[in-house]
Amino acid sequence: MTEERIREERFQAQSDELVAGLAELLLSRNATMTTAESCTGGLIAGALTAMPGSSAWFAQSVVTYSNEAKQSLLGVAEVVFEEHGAVSEACVLAMARGASERSGSPVAVAVSGVAGPDGGTPDKPVGTVWFGWAIGNAVSAELLHLEGDRRTVREQAVLHALRGTIARILDGSDLNQ
């Protein structure tokens, strides 16, 4: 078995386990979730919908790679890009809020980052990834600096988004909007 194949299987096993736990939490709370993805390009939604029966708790996903898409599909204000950029706390919080409001789902996760190999700057190097959550009326964000190639950064981002969603639901967040 090649190193590449081992890596693929390890990621799949980790994401499958997290998705199963997240599905159980959402079903027990009669809640749905949505995703708003930029640098992960739909990988979070792919992990969620790989689980049979996910239509009972997964509402939708929006992949918004461009700023224009973030504005038109999620309602991110232009001033956010002008003052903070697309890879910022302000952007992922607006993305998460917009995804939750537009889908009617009480749980939303948003991701925006620099997966590489290009696009990094001294302020936002490759591996910079912002995560935003809207859980009921509560919003929160987190910044990670991930290491590795593009694929590794994206896979780590998927796993962190899933773990973060689970943690915030378990924190007792009220899922009522």
C-alpha atoms as a PDB file:
ATOM      1  CA  MET A   1       0.000   0.000   0.000  1.00  0.00           C
ATOM      2  CA  THR A   2       1.395   3.373  -0.965  1.00  0.00           C
ATOM      3  CA  GLU A   3       1.892   6.244   1.455  1.00  0.00           C
ATOM      4  CA  GLU A   4      -0.657   8.232  -0.558  1.00  0.00           C
ATOM      5  CA  ARG A   5      -3.279   5.507  -0.158  1.00  0.00           C
ATOM      6  CA  ILE A   6      -2.638   5.239   3.582  1.00  0.00           C
ATOM      7  CA  ARG A   7      -3.114   8.993   3.912  1.00  0.00           C
ATOM      8  CA  GLU A   8      -6.386   8.860   1.948  1.00  0.00           C
ATOM      9  CA  GLU A   9      -7.763   6.039   4.079  1.00  0.00           C
ATOM     10  CA  ARG A  10      -6.753   7.757   7.331  1.00  0.00           C
ATOM     11  CA  PHE A  11      -8.499  10.990   6.313  1.00  0.00           C
ATOM     12  CA  GLN A  12     -11.602   9.066   5.228  1.00  0.00           C
ATOM     13  CA  ALA A  13     -11.788   7.145   8.501  1.00  0.00           C
ATOM     14  CA  GLN A  14     -11.396  10.317  10.575  1.00  0.00           C
ATOM     15  CA  SER A  15     -13.997  12.253   8.609  1.00  0.00           C
ATOM     16  CA  ASP A  16     -16.459   9.333   8.616  1.00  0.00           C
ATOM     17  CA  GLU A  17     -16.211   9.063  12.414  1.00  0.00           C
ATOM     18  CA  LEU A  18     -16.726  12.807  12.896  1.00  0.00           C
ATOM     19  CA  VAL A  19     -19.656  12.921  10.472  1.00  0.00           C
ATOM     20  CA  ALA A  20     -21.351  10.016  12.263  1.00  0.00           C
ATOM     21  CA  GLY A  21     -21.080  11.862  15.579  1.00  0.00           C
ATOM     22  CA  LEU A  22     -22.281  15.127  14.078  1.00  0.00           C
ATOM     23  CA  ALA A  23     -25.236  13.398  12.429  1.00  0.00           C
ATOM     24  CA  GLU A  24     -26.240  11.890  15.765  1.00  0.00           C
ATOM     25  CA  LEU A  25     -26.091  15.303  17.468  1.00  0.00           C
ATOM     26  CA  LEU A  26     -28.148  17.005  14.766  1.00  0.00           C
ATOM     27  CA  LEU A  27     -30.764  14.248  14.638  1.00  0.00           C
ATOM     28  CA  SER A  28     -31.134  14.216  18.425  1.00  0.00           C
ATOM     29  CA  ARG A  29     -31.812  17.960  18.299  1.00  0.00           C
ATOM     30  CA  ASN A  30     -34.040  17.785  15.223  1.00  0.00           C
ATOM     31  CA  ALA A  31     -31.698  20.273  13.535  1.00  0.00           C
ATOM     32  CA  THR A  32     -30.137  20.732  10.115  1.00  0.00           C
ATOM     33  CA  MET A  33     -26.847  22.242   9.060  1.00  0.00           C
ATOM     34  CA  THR A  34     -25.343  23.988   6.084  1.00  0.00           C
ATOM     35  CA  THR A  35     -21.831  24.830   4.916  1.00  0.00           C
ATOM     36  CA  ALA A  36     -20.284  27.854   3.228  1.00  0.00           C
ATOM     37  CA  GLU A  37     -16.931  26.903   1.761  1.00  0.00           C
ATOM     38  CA  SER A  38     -14.163  28.714  -0.023  1.00  0.00           C
ATOM     39  CA  CYS A  39     -10.723  27.068   0.202  1.00  0.00           C
ATOM     40  CA  THR A  40     -12.213  23.624   0.904  1.00  0.00           C
ATOM     41  CA  GLY A  41     -14.234  23.807  -2.315  1.00  0.00           C
ATOM     42  CA  GLY A  42     -17.096  21.603  -1.133  1.00  0.00           C
ATOM     43  CA  LEU A  43     -15.023  18.980   0.667  1.00  0.00           C
ATOM     44  CA  ILE A  44     -16.929  19.487   3.931  1.00  0.00           C
ATOM     45  CA  ALA A  45     -20.245  19.000   2.149  1.00  0.00           C
ATOM     46  CA  GLY A  46     -18.767  15.986   0.383  1.00  0.00           C
ATOM     47  CA  ALA A  47     -17.805  14.414   3.702  1.00  0.00           C
ATOM     48  CA  LEU A  48     -21.249  15.123   5.157  1.00  0.00           C
ATOM     49  CA  THR A  49     -23.211  13.778   2.201  1.00  0.00           C
ATOM     50  CA  ALA A  50     -21.058  10.647   1.923  1.00  0.00           C
ATOM     51  CA  MET A  51     -23.060   9.352   4.880  1.00  0.00           C
ATOM     52  CA  PRO A  52     -26.266   7.552   3.906  1.00  0.00           C
ATOM     53  CA  GLY A  53     -29.309   9.345   5.275  1.00  0.00           C
ATOM     54  CA  SER A  54     -27.608  12.739   5.433  1.00  0.00           C
ATOM     55  CA  SER A  55     -30.629  14.350   3.782  1.00  0.00           C
ATOM     56  CA  ALA A  56     -32.342  14.117   7.189  1.00  0.00           C
ATOM     57  CA  TRP A  57     -29.918  16.650   8.713  1.00  0.00           C
ATOM     58  CA  PHE A  58     -27.909  18.296   5.916  1.00  0.00           C
ATOM     59  CA  ALA A  59     -29.671  21.188   4.180  1.00  0.00           C
ATOM     60  CA  GLN A  60     -27.234  22.630   1.650  1.00  0.00           C
ATOM     61  CA  SER A  61     -23.758  23.845   0.838  1.00  0.00           C
ATOM     62  CA  VAL A  62     -22.537  26.923  -0.964  1.00  0.00           C
ATOM     63  CA  VAL A  63     -19.064  27.036  -2.492  1.00  0.00           C
ATOM     64  CA  THR A  64     -18.145  30.702  -2.771  1.00  0.00           C
ATOM     65  CA  TYR A  65     -14.646  30.948  -4.149  1.00  0.00           C
ATOM     66  CA  SER A  66     -14.922  34.522  -5.391  1.00  0.00           C
ATOM     67  CA  ASN A  67     -15.710  37.620  -3.362  1.00  0.00           C
ATOM     68  CA  GLU A  68     -18.629  38.290  -5.706  1.00  0.00           C
ATOM     69  CA  ALA A  69     -20.128  34.893  -4.866  1.00  0.00           C
ATOM     70  CA  LYS A  70     -19.681  35.532  -1.152  1.00  0.00           C
ATOM     71  CA  GLN A  71     -21.558  38.809  -1.603  1.00  0.00           C
ATOM     72  CA  SER A  72     -24.400  37.579  -3.812  1.00  0.00           C
ATOM     73  CA  LEU A  73     -24.995  34.149  -2.272  1.00  0.00           C
ATOM     74  CA  LEU A  74     -24.198  34.814   1.394  1.00  0.00           C
ATOM     75  CA  GLY A  75     -24.676  38.549   1.799  1.00  0.00           C
ATOM     76  CA  VAL A  76     -21.090  39.351   2.802  1.00  0.00           C
ATOM     77  CA  ALA A  77     -20.774  43.138   2.618  1.00  0.00           C
ATOM     78  CA  GLU A  78     -18.194  44.623   0.245  1.00  0.00           C
ATOM     79  CA  VAL A  79     -16.727  46.599   3.134  1.00  0.00           C
ATOM     80  CA  VAL A  80     -15.644  43.293   4.727  1.00  0.00           C
ATOM     81  CA  PHE A  81     -13.357  42.590   1.767  1.00  0.00           C
ATOM     82  CA  GLU A  82     -12.094  46.163   1.633  1.00  0.00           C
ATOM     83  CA  GLU A  83     -11.247  46.350   5.333  1.00  0.00           C
ATOM     84  CA  HIS A  84     -10.363  42.748   6.230  1.00  0.00           C
ATOM     85  CA  GLY A  85     -10.088  40.600   3.093  1.00  0.00           C
ATOM     86  CA  ALA A  86     -11.752  37.315   2.221  1.00  0.00           C
ATOM     87  CA  VAL A  87      -9.477  35.355   4.547  1.00  0.00           C
ATOM     88  CA  SER A  88     -10.547  36.991   7.788  1.00  0.00           C
ATOM     89  CA  GLU A  89     -12.632  36.603  10.899  1.00  0.00           C
ATOM     90  CA  ALA A  90     -15.129  39.189   9.668  1.00  0.00           C
ATOM     91  CA  CYS A  91     -15.601  37.318   6.399  1.00  0.00           C
ATOM     92  CA  VAL A  92     -16.180  33.841   7.862  1.00  0.00           C
ATOM     93  CA  LEU A  93     -18.579  35.197  10.476  1.00  0.00           C
ATOM     94  CA  ALA A  94     -20.597  36.904   7.736  1.00  0.00           C
ATOM     95  CA  MET A  95     -20.441  33.743   5.619  1.00  0.00           C
ATOM     96  CA  ALA A  96     -21.686  31.564   8.491  1.00  0.00           C
ATOM     97  CA  ARG A  97     -24.498  33.984   9.367  1.00  0.00           C
ATOM     98  CA  GLY A  98     -25.512  34.286   5.724  1.00  0.00           C
ATOM     99  CA  ALA A  99     -25.494  30.523   5.196  1.00  0.00           C
ATOM    100  CA  SER A 100     -27.605  29.931   8.289  1.00  0.00           C
ATOM    101  CA  GLU A 101     -30.102  32.682   7.482  1.00  0.00           C
ATOM    102  CA  ARG A 102     -30.484  31.785   3.808  1.00  0.00           C
ATOM    103  CA  SER A 103     -30.832  28.041   4.414  1.00  0.00           C
ATOM    104  CA  GLY A 104     -32.949  28.221   7.550  1.00  0.00           C
ATOM    105  CA  SER A 105     -30.504  25.839   9.244  1.00  0.00           C
ATOM    106  CA  PRO A 106     -29.604  26.593  12.844  1.00  0.00           C
ATOM    107  CA  VAL A 107     -26.093  25.186  12.348  1.00  0.00           C
ATOM    108  CA  ALA A 108     -23.654  26.580   9.790  1.00  0.00           C
ATOM    109  CA  VAL A 109     -19.908  26.354   9.323  1.00  0.00           C
ATOM    110  CA  ALA A 110     -17.887  28.576   6.993  1.00  0.00           C
ATOM    111  CA  VAL A 111     -14.274  28.267   5.860  1.00  0.00           C
ATOM    112  CA  SER A 112     -11.994  30.678   4.002  1.00  0.00           C
ATOM    113  CA  GLY A 113      -8.251  30.356   3.694  1.00  0.00           C
ATOM    114  CA  VAL A 114      -5.088  30.099   1.655  1.00  0.00           C
ATOM    115  CA  ALA A 115      -4.601  26.439   0.731  1.00  0.00           C
ATOM    116  CA  GLY A 116      -1.601  27.051  -1.545  1.00  0.00           C
ATOM    117  CA  PRO A 117       0.719  26.502  -3.103  1.00  0.00           C
ATOM    118  CA  ASP A 118       0.281  30.107  -4.294  1.00  0.00           C
ATOM    119  CA  GLY A 119      -1.644  33.040  -2.896  1.00  0.00           C
ATOM    120  CA  GLY A 120       0.093  33.446   0.431  1.00  0.00           C
ATOM    121  CA  THR A 121       1.330  36.793   1.717  1.00  0.00           C
ATOM    122  CA  PRO A 122       3.492  37.721   4.707  1.00  0.00           C
ATOM    123  CA  ASP A 123       0.305  38.571   6.650  1.00  0.00           C
ATOM    124  CA  LYS A 124      -1.643  35.537   5.423  1.00  0.00           C
ATOM    125  CA  PRO A 125       0.790  32.780   4.466  1.00  0.00           C
ATOM    126  CA  VAL A 126      -0.215  29.510   2.838  1.00  0.00           C
ATOM    127  CA  GLY A 127      -2.013  27.438   5.468  1.00  0.00           C
ATOM    128  CA  THR A 128      -3.884  30.391   6.991  1.00  0.00           C
ATOM    129  CA  VAL A 129      -7.480  29.242   7.429  1.00  0.00           C
ATOM    130  CA  TRP A 130     -10.356  31.022   9.165  1.00  0.00           C
ATOM    131  CA  PHE A 131     -13.368  29.058  10.407  1.00  0.00           C
ATOM    132  CA  GLY A 132     -16.711  30.598  11.318  1.00  0.00           C
ATOM    133  CA  TRP A 133     -19.736  29.057  12.982  1.00  0.00           C
ATOM    134  CA  ALA A 134     -23.315  30.181  13.410  1.00  0.00           C
ATOM    135  CA  ILE A 135     -25.012  27.956  15.963  1.00  0.00           C
ATOM    136  CA  GLY A 136     -28.487  29.260  16.721  1.00  0.00           C
ATOM    137  CA  ASN A 137     -27.936  32.938  17.485  1.00  0.00           C
ATOM    138  CA  ALA A 138     -24.304  32.506  18.549  1.00  0.00           C
ATOM    139  CA  VAL A 139     -21.414  33.128  16.181  1.00  0.00           C
ATOM    140  CA  SER A 140     -17.759  32.327  16.717  1.00  0.00           C
ATOM    141  CA  ALA A 141     -14.577  32.154  14.691  1.00  0.00           C
ATOM    142  CA  GLU A 142     -11.201  30.509  14.908  1.00  0.00           C
ATOM    143  CA  LEU A 143      -7.913  30.936  13.049  1.00  0.00           C
ATOM    144  CA  LEU A 144      -5.533  28.079  12.294  1.00  0.00           C
ATOM    145  CA  HIS A 145      -2.169  28.023  10.553  1.00  0.00           C
ATOM    146  CA  LEU A 146      -2.057  24.604   8.906  1.00  0.00           C
ATOM    147  CA  GLU A 147       1.028  22.932   7.477  1.00  0.00           C
ATOM    148  CA  GLY A 148       1.491  20.819   4.385  1.00  0.00           C
ATOM    149  CA  ASP A 149       0.649  20.794   0.721  1.00  0.00           C
ATOM    150  CA  ARG A 150      -2.664  22.017  -0.699  1.00  0.00           C
ATOM    151  CA  ARG A 151      -4.399  18.695  -0.218  1.00  0.00           C
ATOM    152  CA  THR A 152      -3.209  18.348   3.367  1.00  0.00           C
ATOM    153  CA  VAL A 153      -4.292  21.893   4.270  1.00  0.00           C
ATOM    154  CA  ARG A 154      -7.747  21.271   2.816  1.00  0.00           C
ATOM    155  CA  GLU A 155      -8.159  17.899   4.544  1.00  0.00           C
ATOM    156  CA  GLN A 156      -7.062  19.334   7.900  1.00  0.00           C
ATOM    157  CA  ALA A 157      -9.538  22.185   7.393  1.00  0.00           C
ATOM    158  CA  VAL A 158     -12.380  19.715   6.803  1.00  0.00           C
ATOM    159  CA  LEU A 159     -11.574  17.793   9.979  1.00  0.00           C
ATOM    160  CA  HIS A 160     -11.266  20.977  12.039  1.00  0.00           C
ATOM    161  CA  ALA A 161     -14.568  22.322  10.699  1.00  0.00           C
ATOM    162  CA  LEU A 162     -16.318  19.087  11.697  1.00  0.00           C
ATOM    163  CA  ARG A 163     -14.684  18.974  15.144  1.00  0.00           C
ATOM    164  CA  GLY A 164     -15.496  22.630  15.752  1.00  0.00           C
ATOM    165  CA  THR A 165     -19.124  22.153  14.798  1.00  0.00           C
ATOM    166  CA  ILE A 166     -19.467  19.202  17.157  1.00  0.00           C
ATOM    167  CA  ALA A 167     -17.767  21.083  20.002  1.00  0.00           C
ATOM    168  CA  ARG A 168     -20.034  24.101  19.626  1.00  0.00           C
ATOM    169  CA  ILE A 169     -23.188  21.993  19.596  1.00  0.00           C
ATOM    170  CA  LEU A 170     -21.980  20.088  22.668  1.00  0.00           C
ATOM    171  CA  ASP A 171     -21.238  23.384  24.431  1.00  0.00           C
ATOM    172  CA  GLY A 172     -24.985  23.632  24.809  1.00  0.00           C
ATOM    173  CA  SER A 173     -25.620  26.266  22.201  1.00  0.00           C
ATOM    174  CA  ASP A 174     -29.311  26.950  21.761  1.00  0.00           C
ATOM    175  CA  LEU A 175     -30.138  25.854  18.223  1.00  0.00           C
ATOM    176  CA  ASN A 176     -33.192  28.095  18.044  1.00  0.00           C
ATOM    177  CA  GLN A 177     -32.693  30.977  15.658  1.00  0.00           C
END
